[in-house]
Amino acid sequence: MTQFKSRWKSGLCALLVLALSACSNPEGKSQSLFETAQFEEQQHNFKHAGQLYKEILEDFPESSIAPKARERLEAIEKNLLPQ
């Protein structure tokens, strides 16, 4: 049981370090936002996905993921506008 607790704490610490490094790394943060937006799209929560894509474009316009975010945002806006 002690070994399990030790592994669990190590895993939790590693996860925390990764989360914090993604927040301090603009490329990691934009990637994290993009992945969350993709998840929101899969859940058919297009409004929130669009907000996340906009956040990427506003906060990280030079990131490598920005062109993909722009593409997805345009697709969402096109599909949500009344025909």
Protein backbone atom coordinates (compact mmCIF):
# COMPACT_ATOMS: atom_id res chain seq x y z
CA MET A 1 0.00 0.00 0.00
CA THR A 2 2.84 2.40 0.80
CA GLN A 3 4.38 1.76 -2.62
CA PHE A 4 1.02 2.55 -4.24
CA LYS A 5 0.78 5.87 -2.35
CA SER A 6 4.31 6.76 -3.37
CA ARG A 7 3.59 6.06 -7.05
CA TRP A 8 0.32 7.95 -6.84
CA LYS A 9 2.05 11.00 -5.35
CA SER A 10 4.80 10.84 -7.98
CA GLY A 11 2.23 10.64 -10.75
CA LEU A 12 0.25 13.53 -9.32
CA CYS A 13 3.39 15.65 -9.03
CA ALA A 14 4.35 14.86 -12.63
CA LEU A 15 0.87 15.84 -13.83
CA LEU A 16 1.04 19.08 -11.88
CA VAL A 17 4.43 19.95 -13.36
CA LEU A 18 3.13 19.29 -16.89
CA ALA A 19 0.06 21.43 -16.28
CA LEU A 20 2.11 24.30 -14.92
CA SER A 21 4.63 24.11 -17.75
CA ALA A 22 1.80 24.24 -20.30
CA CYS A 23 0.50 27.40 -18.64
CA SER A 24 3.89 29.11 -18.67
CA ASN A 25 4.65 28.00 -22.23
CA PRO A 26 2.57 29.94 -24.79
CA GLU A 27 2.81 27.13 -27.33
CA GLY A 28 1.71 24.61 -24.72
CA LYS A 29 -1.14 26.83 -23.54
CA SER A 30 -2.43 27.37 -27.07
CA GLN A 31 -2.22 23.63 -27.74
CA SER A 32 -4.11 22.91 -24.52
CA LEU A 33 -6.84 25.39 -25.46
CA PHE A 34 -7.08 23.86 -28.93
CA GLU A 35 -7.49 20.36 -27.51
CA THR A 36 -10.19 21.61 -25.14
CA ALA A 37 -11.97 23.34 -28.03
CA GLN A 38 -11.85 20.12 -30.05
CA PHE A 39 -13.39 18.26 -27.12
CA GLU A 40 -16.13 20.89 -26.89
CA GLU A 41 -16.84 20.44 -30.60
CA GLN A 42 -17.14 16.68 -30.11
CA GLN A 43 -19.65 17.38 -27.34
CA HIS A 44 -21.58 19.67 -29.74
CA ASN A 45 -20.83 22.67 -27.53
CA PHE A 46 -19.97 24.86 -30.51
CA LYS A 47 -20.42 28.17 -28.70
CA HIS A 48 -17.76 27.33 -26.12
CA ALA A 49 -15.48 25.80 -28.74
CA GLY A 50 -15.71 29.02 -30.74
CA GLN A 51 -14.86 31.07 -27.66
CA LEU A 52 -11.77 28.94 -27.08
CA TYR A 53 -10.65 29.26 -30.70
CA LYS A 54 -11.11 33.05 -30.44
CA GLU A 55 -9.02 33.04 -27.26
CA ILE A 56 -6.22 31.27 -29.10
CA LEU A 57 -6.33 33.80 -31.93
CA GLU A 58 -6.39 36.77 -29.56
CA ASP A 59 -3.83 35.59 -27.00
CA PHE A 60 -1.54 33.46 -29.18
CA PRO A 61 -1.80 34.76 -32.77
CA GLU A 62 1.75 33.66 -33.59
CA SER A 63 1.41 30.12 -32.27
CA SER A 64 1.70 27.19 -34.63
CA ILE A 65 -1.88 26.18 -33.78
CA ALA A 66 -3.42 29.59 -34.67
CA PRO A 67 -4.10 28.73 -38.36
CA LYS A 68 -5.95 25.58 -37.32
CA ALA A 69 -7.91 27.53 -34.70
CA ARG A 70 -8.88 30.10 -37.33
CA GLU A 71 -10.00 27.33 -39.68
CA ARG A 72 -12.14 25.66 -37.02
CA LEU A 73 -13.64 28.97 -35.88
CA GLU A 74 -14.63 29.83 -39.45
CA ALA A 75 -16.24 26.40 -39.87
CA ILE A 76 -18.19 26.81 -36.64
CA GLU A 77 -19.35 30.32 -37.52
CA LYS A 78 -20.35 29.23 -41.01
CA ASN A 79 -22.41 26.31 -39.68
CA LEU A 80 -24.03 28.31 -36.87
CA LEU A 81 -25.17 31.23 -39.01
CA PRO A 82 -28.75 30.96 -40.21
CA GLN A 83 -29.00 30.07 -43.89
